[in-house]
Amino acid sequence: MIRSHTPSSPTPVRVSCPSPPDHEWHFYAAVKDSSMIRLYIDGVQIDAVAYLDSGMFDQSIDHVEIGRHTYNGAIKGSFKGVIDEVQIYACPLSSVDIQTLYKQGSPPLSIHSETPELLLSLYPNPGKDRLVIRNNLTHSLDVELFSITGQLIHSIELDKEYVMDTSDLPTAVYTIRASHQQGYYFFKWLKYK
């Protein structure tokens, strides 16, 4: 469930769905754009509600809670289960983006393969002073590196291979987005000192 309290609406906005009964892993995504909040499970939109509040979620994330609900400083409910691979983006993802993320599955932390199923090879992963990005396709890709907060750090048009100096980047997990004819593909890269 997604619940949102805003100064302009004393009644919370709720987007929800029943819990899956199968006790298996599921892919959940919530998207807030200028007019709606949408909830997806396993790449399919399950619920949506109008959300016209003018407040900006990108101003501060201290009101975002994942796995629990707090009201007036008290915890009112907690998720019973395991939450893994949480990502927060700085812009709303489209339904195609959500389906792509779901179909792609969870990329392993170490990505280095010449198989055609992967658009990119990233190595070393984890890495320290440099990141090598190799395009495994025959045409160029737009590749972007984002921080955990969604800040664009670097952007290139990648023909074959690019070596990025990462010595000044702080230790963190970064998201790499590759734009392909069929949509966006997301990869993870871990930087350590």
C-alpha atoms as a PDB file:
ATOM      1  CA  MET A   1       0.000   0.000   0.000  1.00  0.00           C
ATOM      2  CA  ILE A   2       1.097   3.550  -0.669  1.00  0.00           C
ATOM      3  CA  ARG A   3      -0.279   6.179   1.647  1.00  0.00           C
ATOM      4  CA  SER A   4       0.347   9.896   1.305  1.00  0.00           C
ATOM      5  CA  HIS A   5      -0.593  12.694   3.687  1.00  0.00           C
ATOM      6  CA  THR A   6      -0.223  16.227   2.380  1.00  0.00           C
ATOM      7  CA  PRO A   7      -0.867  19.650   3.886  1.00  0.00           C
ATOM      8  CA  SER A   8      -3.620  20.335   1.340  1.00  0.00           C
ATOM      9  CA  SER A   9      -5.476  17.038   1.906  1.00  0.00           C
ATOM     10  CA  PRO A  10      -6.129  15.866   5.474  1.00  0.00           C
ATOM     11  CA  THR A  11      -7.455  12.532   4.181  1.00  0.00           C
ATOM     12  CA  PRO A  12      -4.626  10.237   3.061  1.00  0.00           C
ATOM     13  CA  VAL A  13      -4.357   9.184  -0.564  1.00  0.00           C
ATOM     14  CA  ARG A  14      -4.085   5.381  -0.759  1.00  0.00           C
ATOM     15  CA  VAL A  15      -3.034   3.062  -3.551  1.00  0.00           C
ATOM     16  CA  SER A  16      -3.214  -0.591  -2.556  1.00  0.00           C
ATOM     17  CA  CYS A  17      -3.569  -4.194  -3.583  1.00  0.00           C
ATOM     18  CA  PRO A  18      -4.088  -7.538  -1.852  1.00  0.00           C
ATOM     19  CA  SER A  19      -0.978  -9.369  -0.695  1.00  0.00           C
ATOM     20  CA  PRO A  20       0.107 -12.160  -3.050  1.00  0.00           C
ATOM     21  CA  PRO A  21      -0.800 -15.485  -1.382  1.00  0.00           C
ATOM     22  CA  ASP A  22       2.063 -17.526  -2.825  1.00  0.00           C
ATOM     23  CA  HIS A  23       4.956 -16.422  -0.564  1.00  0.00           C
ATOM     24  CA  GLU A  24       7.211 -15.898  -3.607  1.00  0.00           C
ATOM     25  CA  TRP A  25       9.327 -12.889  -4.614  1.00  0.00           C
ATOM     26  CA  HIS A  26       7.429 -10.148  -6.434  1.00  0.00           C
ATOM     27  CA  PHE A  27       8.436  -6.947  -8.171  1.00  0.00           C
ATOM     28  CA  TYR A  28       6.623  -3.887  -6.778  1.00  0.00           C
ATOM     29  CA  ALA A  29       6.844  -0.413  -8.275  1.00  0.00           C
ATOM     30  CA  ALA A  30       5.102   2.822  -7.345  1.00  0.00           C
ATOM     31  CA  VAL A  31       5.122   5.851  -9.626  1.00  0.00           C
ATOM     32  CA  LYS A  32       4.024   9.379  -8.743  1.00  0.00           C
ATOM     33  CA  ASP A  33       3.740  11.867 -11.586  1.00  0.00           C
ATOM     34  CA  SER A  34       2.018  15.257 -11.804  1.00  0.00           C
ATOM     35  CA  SER A  35      -1.495  13.812 -11.608  1.00  0.00           C
ATOM     36  CA  MET A  36      -1.482  10.171 -10.454  1.00  0.00           C
ATOM     37  CA  ILE A  37       0.051   7.630  -8.127  1.00  0.00           C
ATOM     38  CA  ARG A  38       0.244   4.176  -9.739  1.00  0.00           C
ATOM     39  CA  LEU A  39       1.069   0.805  -8.177  1.00  0.00           C
ATOM     40  CA  TYR A  40       2.539  -2.060 -10.222  1.00  0.00           C
ATOM     41  CA  ILE A  41       3.133  -5.691  -9.268  1.00  0.00           C
ATOM     42  CA  ASP A  42       5.281  -7.868 -11.508  1.00  0.00           C
ATOM     43  CA  GLY A  43       5.182  -5.231 -14.268  1.00  0.00           C
ATOM     44  CA  VAL A  44       1.364  -4.883 -14.333  1.00  0.00           C
ATOM     45  CA  GLN A  45      -0.499  -1.798 -13.066  1.00  0.00           C
ATOM     46  CA  ILE A  46      -2.758  -2.910 -10.197  1.00  0.00           C
ATOM     47  CA  ASP A  47      -4.160   0.384  -8.895  1.00  0.00           C
ATOM     48  CA  ALA A  48      -4.022   4.117  -9.562  1.00  0.00           C
ATOM     49  CA  VAL A  49      -5.496   7.179  -7.893  1.00  0.00           C
ATOM     50  CA  ALA A  50      -5.578  10.851  -8.777  1.00  0.00           C
ATOM     51  CA  TYR A  51      -2.993  12.887  -6.886  1.00  0.00           C
ATOM     52  CA  LEU A  52      -3.105  16.587  -7.610  1.00  0.00           C
ATOM     53  CA  ASP A  53      -1.214  17.972  -4.620  1.00  0.00           C
ATOM     54  CA  SER A  54       1.339  20.560  -5.651  1.00  0.00           C
ATOM     55  CA  GLY A  55       4.005  19.380  -3.178  1.00  0.00           C
ATOM     56  CA  MET A  56       7.233  18.080  -4.672  1.00  0.00           C
ATOM     57  CA  PHE A  57       8.596  14.691  -3.630  1.00  0.00           C
ATOM     58  CA  ASP A  58      12.034  15.663  -4.936  1.00  0.00           C
ATOM     59  CA  GLN A  59      12.527  18.412  -2.334  1.00  0.00           C
ATOM     60  CA  SER A  60      13.191  15.985   0.516  1.00  0.00           C
ATOM     61  CA  ILE A  61      12.922  12.261   1.042  1.00  0.00           C
ATOM     62  CA  ASP A  62      12.669  12.273   4.834  1.00  0.00           C
ATOM     63  CA  HIS A  63       8.932  11.614   4.547  1.00  0.00           C
ATOM     64  CA  VAL A  64       9.365   8.468   2.427  1.00  0.00           C
ATOM     65  CA  GLU A  65       9.169   5.204   4.341  1.00  0.00           C
ATOM     66  CA  ILE A  66       9.483   1.777   2.818  1.00  0.00           C
ATOM     67  CA  GLY A  67       8.156  -1.140   4.813  1.00  0.00           C
ATOM     68  CA  ARG A  68       6.416   0.799   7.552  1.00  0.00           C
ATOM     69  CA  HIS A  69       3.866   3.516   8.216  1.00  0.00           C
ATOM     70  CA  THR A  70       4.518   6.296  10.718  1.00  0.00           C
ATOM     71  CA  TYR A  71       1.946   8.857  11.804  1.00  0.00           C
ATOM     72  CA  ASN A  72       2.672  11.727  14.217  1.00  0.00           C
ATOM     73  CA  GLY A  73       6.001  10.128  15.113  1.00  0.00           C
ATOM     74  CA  ALA A  74       4.558   6.727  16.045  1.00  0.00           C
ATOM     75  CA  ILE A  75       4.965   3.544  14.004  1.00  0.00           C
ATOM     76  CA  LYS A  76       1.473   2.402  12.995  1.00  0.00           C
ATOM     77  CA  GLY A  77       2.354  -0.622  10.859  1.00  0.00           C
ATOM     78  CA  SER A  78       5.304  -2.612   9.548  1.00  0.00           C
ATOM     79  CA  PHE A  79       5.807  -4.892   6.563  1.00  0.00           C
ATOM     80  CA  LYS A  80       6.225  -8.532   7.538  1.00  0.00           C
ATOM     81  CA  GLY A  81       8.670  -9.988   5.049  1.00  0.00           C
ATOM     82  CA  VAL A  82      11.889  -9.185   3.210  1.00  0.00           C
ATOM     83  CA  ILE A  83      12.425  -6.120   1.024  1.00  0.00           C
ATOM     84  CA  ASP A  84      15.354  -6.224  -1.367  1.00  0.00           C
ATOM     85  CA  GLU A  85      16.909  -3.991  -4.055  1.00  0.00           C
ATOM     86  CA  VAL A  86      15.046  -0.759  -3.340  1.00  0.00           C
ATOM     87  CA  GLN A  87      15.537   1.993  -5.916  1.00  0.00           C
ATOM     88  CA  ILE A  88      14.185   5.550  -5.921  1.00  0.00           C
ATOM     89  CA  TYR A  89      14.312   7.499  -9.173  1.00  0.00           C
ATOM     90  CA  ALA A  90      14.352  11.272  -9.631  1.00  0.00           C
ATOM     91  CA  CYS A  91      11.703  11.143 -12.379  1.00  0.00           C
ATOM     92  CA  PRO A  92       8.537   9.106 -12.944  1.00  0.00           C
ATOM     93  CA  LEU A  93       9.067   5.900 -14.894  1.00  0.00           C
ATOM     94  CA  SER A  94       6.672   4.981 -17.696  1.00  0.00           C
ATOM     95  CA  SER A  95       4.736   1.707 -17.782  1.00  0.00           C
ATOM     96  CA  VAL A  96       7.227   0.531 -20.453  1.00  0.00           C
ATOM     97  CA  ASP A  97      10.115   1.324 -18.057  1.00  0.00           C
ATOM     98  CA  ILE A  98       8.396  -0.667 -15.285  1.00  0.00           C
ATOM     99  CA  GLN A  99       7.781  -3.649 -17.585  1.00  0.00           C
ATOM    100  CA  THR A 100      11.397  -3.506 -18.780  1.00  0.00           C
ATOM    101  CA  LEU A 101      12.717  -3.532 -15.212  1.00  0.00           C
ATOM    102  CA  TYR A 102      10.448  -6.444 -14.333  1.00  0.00           C
ATOM    103  CA  LYS A 103      11.310  -8.500 -17.442  1.00  0.00           C
ATOM    104  CA  GLN A 104      15.007  -7.755 -17.046  1.00  0.00           C
ATOM    105  CA  GLY A 105      14.923  -9.142 -13.532  1.00  0.00           C
ATOM    106  CA  SER A 106      17.495  -8.353 -10.950  1.00  0.00           C
ATOM    107  CA  PRO A 107      20.861  -7.857 -12.601  1.00  0.00           C
ATOM    108  CA  PRO A 108      23.690  -9.509 -10.709  1.00  0.00           C
ATOM    109  CA  LEU A 109      26.107  -7.141  -9.032  1.00  0.00           C
ATOM    110  CA  SER A 110      28.933  -8.445 -11.196  1.00  0.00           C
ATOM    111  CA  ILE A 111      28.047  -7.887 -14.839  1.00  0.00           C
ATOM    112  CA  HIS A 112      30.581  -8.996 -17.434  1.00  0.00           C
ATOM    113  CA  SER A 113      29.342 -11.059 -20.294  1.00  0.00           C
ATOM    114  CA  GLU A 114      29.591 -11.114 -24.047  1.00  0.00           C
ATOM    115  CA  THR A 115      26.214 -12.837 -24.426  1.00  0.00           C
ATOM    116  CA  PRO A 116      23.800 -10.992 -26.720  1.00  0.00           C
ATOM    117  CA  GLU A 117      21.144 -10.920 -23.974  1.00  0.00           C
ATOM    118  CA  LEU A 118      23.074  -8.176 -22.193  1.00  0.00           C
ATOM    119  CA  LEU A 119      23.443  -4.795 -23.793  1.00  0.00           C
ATOM    120  CA  LEU A 120      26.488  -3.853 -21.768  1.00  0.00           C
ATOM    121  CA  SER A 121      29.490  -5.318 -20.045  1.00  0.00           C
ATOM    122  CA  LEU A 122      30.609  -3.410 -16.947  1.00  0.00           C
ATOM    123  CA  TYR A 123      33.911  -4.157 -15.280  1.00  0.00           C
ATOM    124  CA  PRO A 124      35.478  -4.247 -12.837  1.00  0.00           C
ATOM    125  CA  ASN A 125      32.367  -4.569 -10.703  1.00  0.00           C
ATOM    126  CA  PRO A 126      32.869  -3.675  -7.909  1.00  0.00           C
ATOM    127  CA  GLY A 127      35.400  -1.112  -9.070  1.00  0.00           C
ATOM    128  CA  LYS A 128      37.661   1.573  -7.710  1.00  0.00           C
ATOM    129  CA  ASP A 129      39.375   4.070 -10.035  1.00  0.00           C
ATOM    130  CA  ARG A 130      37.819   3.238 -13.392  1.00  0.00           C
ATOM    131  CA  LEU A 131      34.750   1.718 -14.970  1.00  0.00           C
ATOM    132  CA  VAL A 132      34.921   0.073 -18.380  1.00  0.00           C
ATOM    133  CA  ILE A 133      31.601   0.082 -20.237  1.00  0.00           C
ATOM    134  CA  ARG A 134      31.438  -2.102 -23.338  1.00  0.00           C
ATOM    135  CA  ASN A 135      28.578  -2.049 -25.828  1.00  0.00           C
ATOM    136  CA  ASN A 136      27.742  -5.624 -26.875  1.00  0.00           C
ATOM    137  CA  LEU A 137      25.485  -4.512 -29.734  1.00  0.00           C
ATOM    138  CA  THR A 138      26.284  -3.396 -33.267  1.00  0.00           C
ATOM    139  CA  HIS A 139      24.705   0.062 -32.892  1.00  0.00           C
ATOM    140  CA  SER A 140      25.364   2.871 -30.408  1.00  0.00           C
ATOM    141  CA  LEU A 141      23.598   3.268 -27.072  1.00  0.00           C
ATOM    142  CA  ASP A 142      22.990   6.312 -24.893  1.00  0.00           C
ATOM    143  CA  VAL A 143      24.466   5.462 -21.500  1.00  0.00           C
ATOM    144  CA  GLU A 144      23.992   7.475 -18.302  1.00  0.00           C
ATOM    145  CA  LEU A 145      25.471   7.051 -14.826  1.00  0.00           C
ATOM    146  CA  PHE A 146      23.246   8.125 -11.889  1.00  0.00           C
ATOM    147  CA  SER A 147      23.956   8.476  -8.178  1.00  0.00           C
ATOM    148  CA  ILE A 148      21.747   6.759  -5.585  1.00  0.00           C
ATOM    149  CA  THR A 149      19.772  10.026  -5.315  1.00  0.00           C
ATOM    150  CA  GLY A 150      19.061  10.097  -9.052  1.00  0.00           C
ATOM    151  CA  GLN A 151      21.607  12.792  -9.926  1.00  0.00           C
ATOM    152  CA  LEU A 152      23.018  12.426 -13.440  1.00  0.00           C
ATOM    153  CA  ILE A 153      26.796  12.103 -13.091  1.00  0.00           C
ATOM    154  CA  HIS A 154      27.923  11.216 -16.601  1.00  0.00           C
ATOM    155  CA  SER A 155      26.338  10.729 -20.019  1.00  0.00           C
ATOM    156  CA  ILE A 156      27.834   9.320 -23.229  1.00  0.00           C
ATOM    157  CA  GLU A 157      26.865   7.946 -26.611  1.00  0.00           C
ATOM    158  CA  LEU A 158      28.577   4.566 -26.563  1.00  0.00           C
ATOM    159  CA  ASP A 159      29.704   2.975 -29.807  1.00  0.00           C
ATOM    160  CA  LYS A 160      31.987   0.195 -28.598  1.00  0.00           C
ATOM    161  CA  GLU A 161      33.911   0.779 -25.352  1.00  0.00           C
ATOM    162  CA  TYR A 162      34.448   3.623 -22.910  1.00  0.00           C
ATOM    163  CA  VAL A 163      36.739   3.879 -19.882  1.00  0.00           C
ATOM    164  CA  MET A 164      35.395   6.255 -17.229  1.00  0.00           C
ATOM    165  CA  ASP A 165      37.630   7.751 -14.532  1.00  0.00           C
ATOM    166  CA  THR A 166      35.759   7.072 -11.278  1.00  0.00           C
ATOM    167  CA  SER A 167      38.530   7.929  -8.806  1.00  0.00           C
ATOM    168  CA  ASP A 168      36.665  11.020  -7.547  1.00  0.00           C
ATOM    169  CA  LEU A 169      33.311   9.279  -7.004  1.00  0.00           C
ATOM    170  CA  PRO A 170      32.307   8.402  -3.431  1.00  0.00           C
ATOM    171  CA  THR A 171      31.772   4.800  -2.369  1.00  0.00           C
ATOM    172  CA  ALA A 172      28.193   3.860  -3.333  1.00  0.00           C
ATOM    173  CA  VAL A 173      26.009   1.776  -5.607  1.00  0.00           C
ATOM    174  CA  TYR A 174      25.365   3.576  -8.907  1.00  0.00           C
ATOM    175  CA  THR A 175      22.700   3.007 -11.541  1.00  0.00           C
ATOM    176  CA  ILE A 176      23.610   2.859 -15.202  1.00  0.00           C
ATOM    177  CA  ARG A 177      20.776   3.423 -17.658  1.00  0.00           C
ATOM    178  CA  ALA A 178      21.215   2.333 -21.270  1.00  0.00           C
ATOM    179  CA  SER A 179      18.720   3.656 -23.812  1.00  0.00           C
ATOM    180  CA  HIS A 180      17.864   1.087 -26.440  1.00  0.00           C
ATOM    181  CA  GLN A 181      15.296   1.061 -29.257  1.00  0.00           C
ATOM    182  CA  GLN A 182      12.958  -0.973 -27.055  1.00  0.00           C
ATOM    183  CA  GLY A 183      13.278   1.190 -23.947  1.00  0.00           C
ATOM    184  CA  TYR A 184      15.590   1.612 -20.985  1.00  0.00           C
ATOM    185  CA  TYR A 185      17.744  -1.051 -19.368  1.00  0.00           C
ATOM    186  CA  PHE A 186      19.185  -0.586 -15.888  1.00  0.00           C
ATOM    187  CA  PHE A 187      22.411  -1.947 -14.418  1.00  0.00           C
ATOM    188  CA  LYS A 188      24.137  -1.607 -11.063  1.00  0.00           C
ATOM    189  CA  TRP A 189      27.758  -0.752 -10.420  1.00  0.00           C
ATOM    190  CA  LEU A 190      29.436  -0.690  -7.005  1.00  0.00           C
ATOM    191  CA  LYS A 191      32.225   1.842  -6.361  1.00  0.00           C
ATOM    192  CA  TYR A 192      34.575   1.344  -3.424  1.00  0.00           C
ATOM    193  CA  LYS A 193      37.599   3.288  -2.171  1.00  0.00           C
END
